[in-house]
Protein backbone atom coordinates (compact mmCIF):
# COMPACT_ATOMS: atom_id res chain seq x y z
CA MET A 1 -10.86 16.81 -18.99
CA ASP A 2 -8.47 13.83 -18.89
CA ILE A 3 -7.12 11.95 -21.87
CA ILE A 4 -7.80 8.28 -21.23
CA GLY A 5 -6.57 6.86 -24.53
CA MET A 6 -5.86 7.62 -28.14
CA GLY A 7 -5.83 5.55 -31.29
CA SER A 8 -4.88 5.99 -34.90
CA GLU A 9 -5.37 3.90 -38.04
CA ILE A 10 -4.63 4.13 -41.75
CA VAL A 11 -6.02 1.75 -44.35
CA GLU A 12 -5.76 1.43 -48.11
CA CYS A 13 -9.15 2.05 -49.71
CA PRO A 14 -8.61 -0.67 -52.36
CA ARG A 15 -8.07 -3.20 -49.53
CA ILE A 16 -11.53 -2.43 -48.14
CA GLY A 17 -12.93 -2.55 -51.69
CA GLY A 18 -11.45 -6.02 -52.12
CA MET A 19 -13.03 -7.21 -48.87
CA ILE A 20 -16.41 -5.89 -50.01
CA GLU A 21 -16.02 -7.57 -53.43
CA ARG A 22 -14.94 -10.92 -51.95
CA HIS A 23 -17.33 -11.12 -49.01
CA GLY A 24 -20.18 -8.75 -49.95
CA GLU A 25 -23.06 -8.38 -47.49
CA LEU A 26 -21.43 -10.68 -44.95
CA PHE A 27 -18.46 -8.32 -44.64
CA LEU A 28 -20.63 -5.19 -44.59
CA ARG A 29 -22.95 -6.49 -41.86
CA ARG A 30 -20.09 -7.79 -39.74
CA VAL A 31 -18.23 -4.46 -39.76
CA TYR A 32 -20.82 -1.70 -40.29
CA THR A 33 -24.20 -0.87 -38.78
CA GLU A 34 -27.27 -0.46 -40.99
CA ARG A 35 -27.05 3.31 -40.57
CA GLU A 36 -23.38 3.34 -41.62
CA ILE A 37 -24.09 1.20 -44.68
CA ARG A 38 -26.88 3.56 -45.78
CA GLN A 39 -24.68 6.57 -45.03
CA CYS A 40 -21.84 5.25 -47.21
CA HIS A 41 -24.06 4.12 -50.09
CA ALA A 42 -25.55 7.64 -50.19
CA ARG A 43 -22.10 9.11 -50.95
CA THR A 44 -20.59 9.50 -54.41
CA ARG A 45 -17.37 7.74 -53.39
CA ALA A 46 -18.85 5.07 -51.13
CA LEU A 47 -15.67 2.98 -50.98
CA GLU A 48 -13.66 5.87 -49.51
CA HIS A 49 -16.34 6.37 -46.87
CA PHE A 50 -16.41 2.68 -45.96
CA ALA A 51 -12.62 2.80 -45.58
CA GLY A 52 -12.85 5.96 -43.47
CA LEU A 53 -15.34 4.31 -41.13
CA TRP A 54 -13.15 1.20 -40.90
CA ALA A 55 -10.19 3.37 -39.87
CA ALA A 56 -12.33 5.31 -37.38
CA LYS A 57 -13.70 2.15 -35.75
CA GLU A 58 -10.19 0.72 -35.43
CA ALA A 59 -8.91 3.99 -33.94
CA VAL A 60 -11.78 4.04 -31.41
CA LEU A 61 -11.09 0.46 -30.34
CA LYS A 62 -7.41 1.28 -29.89
CA ALA A 63 -8.23 4.42 -27.87
CA LEU A 64 -10.39 2.31 -25.55
CA GLY A 65 -7.89 -0.55 -25.34
CA VAL A 66 -10.45 -3.00 -26.74
CA ARG A 67 -9.23 -5.95 -28.77
CA ARG A 68 -11.26 -7.13 -31.73
CA GLY A 69 -12.52 -10.66 -31.41
CA GLY A 70 -15.43 -12.55 -32.87
CA GLY A 71 -16.52 -9.59 -34.99
CA GLY A 72 -18.89 -8.13 -32.40
CA ALA A 73 -16.75 -5.12 -31.56
CA TRP A 74 -17.03 -3.65 -35.07
CA VAL A 75 -20.78 -3.06 -34.95
CA GLU A 76 -20.62 -1.97 -31.30
CA VAL A 77 -18.91 1.20 -32.56
CA GLU A 78 -21.02 3.43 -34.79
CA ILE A 79 -19.70 6.57 -36.44
CA ARG A 80 -22.31 9.13 -37.47
CA SER A 81 -21.79 12.21 -39.55
CA ALA A 82 -22.47 15.45 -37.74
CA PRO A 83 -22.81 19.04 -38.97
CA ARG A 84 -19.85 20.74 -40.62
CA GLY A 85 -18.04 17.50 -41.46
CA SER A 86 -17.49 16.34 -37.90
CA HIS A 87 -18.41 12.91 -36.57
CA ARG A 88 -19.98 11.47 -33.42
CA VAL A 89 -19.11 8.12 -31.88
CA PHE A 90 -21.81 5.86 -30.43
CA VAL A 91 -20.90 2.69 -28.57
CA SER A 92 -22.87 -0.31 -27.31
CA GLY A 93 -22.36 -3.77 -25.84
CA ALA A 94 -18.92 -4.76 -24.58
CA VAL A 95 -17.33 -1.63 -26.06
CA LYS A 96 -19.75 0.55 -24.08
CA GLU A 97 -18.88 -1.36 -20.90
CA ALA A 98 -15.15 -0.94 -21.59
CA ALA A 99 -15.64 2.80 -22.07
CA ARG A 100 -17.63 3.14 -18.84
CA SER A 101 -15.18 1.06 -16.82
CA ARG A 102 -12.33 3.32 -17.94
CA GLY A 103 -14.30 6.48 -17.11
CA VAL A 104 -14.68 7.65 -20.70
CA ALA A 105 -17.05 10.61 -20.99
CA ASP A 106 -16.64 11.20 -24.74
CA ILE A 107 -14.79 9.88 -27.78
CA LEU A 108 -13.58 12.41 -30.33
CA VAL A 109 -12.81 11.19 -33.83
CA SER A 110 -11.35 12.74 -36.96
CA ILE A 111 -11.44 11.04 -40.37
CA ALA A 112 -9.55 11.91 -43.57
CA ARG A 113 -9.76 10.05 -46.86
CA CYS A 114 -8.73 10.16 -50.48
CA ARG A 115 -8.96 7.63 -53.31
CA THR A 116 -5.99 5.65 -52.01
CA TYR A 117 -6.00 5.94 -48.21
CA ALA A 118 -8.31 6.61 -45.30
CA THR A 119 -7.01 7.57 -41.88
CA ALA A 120 -8.62 8.30 -38.55
CA HIS A 121 -7.62 9.41 -35.08
CA ALA A 122 -9.66 8.89 -31.92
CA LEU A 123 -9.29 10.42 -28.49
CA ALA A 124 -11.07 8.94 -25.46
CA VAL A 125 -11.58 11.63 -22.82
CA GLY A 126 -12.96 11.58 -19.32
CA SER A 127 -14.02 14.20 -16.86
CA ARG A 128 -11.79 15.16 -13.94
CA ALA A 129 -14.35 13.72 -11.53
CA ARG A 130 -13.52 10.06 -12.21
CA ASP A 131 -16.36 8.74 -10.04
CA ALA A 132 -19.01 10.63 -12.01
CA GLU A 133 -21.13 8.62 -14.45
CA PRO A 134 -20.47 9.63 -18.10
CA ASP A 135 -23.19 11.98 -19.29
CA ARG A 136 -23.40 10.64 -22.86
CA SER A 137 -27.15 10.21 -23.32
CA GLU A 138 -26.57 8.30 -26.56
CA TRP A 139 -24.79 5.58 -24.55
CA ASP A 140 -28.04 4.78 -22.72
């Protein structure tokens, strides 16, 4: 397994709360997928979860070397909760193409949050056989 890129982000939860208050649905739909919005609203501390996803998305984009522009990149990265507190990364659109072109086979992400801050780290990994097509069925 080769490390192709890594990214890290920290964000203040009240900053994300302010964005949600000021811009409401427009902000939510520009940054989060429908699944992520439902996932966060189902939590007792939804704001912390929104901030955690923001940090994770930013970390993934940094790990892939993708610059944000026009808002599309945010929803092209989806973070889903997995068993035992882990998370899975799903990519689409231009972000998916960037991952494939760099030979990314998987993206690992870790998220931590509290009432004040949310932080995330992402690691883009590839297989040693660089010419092999990534086997991530969820990318199809």
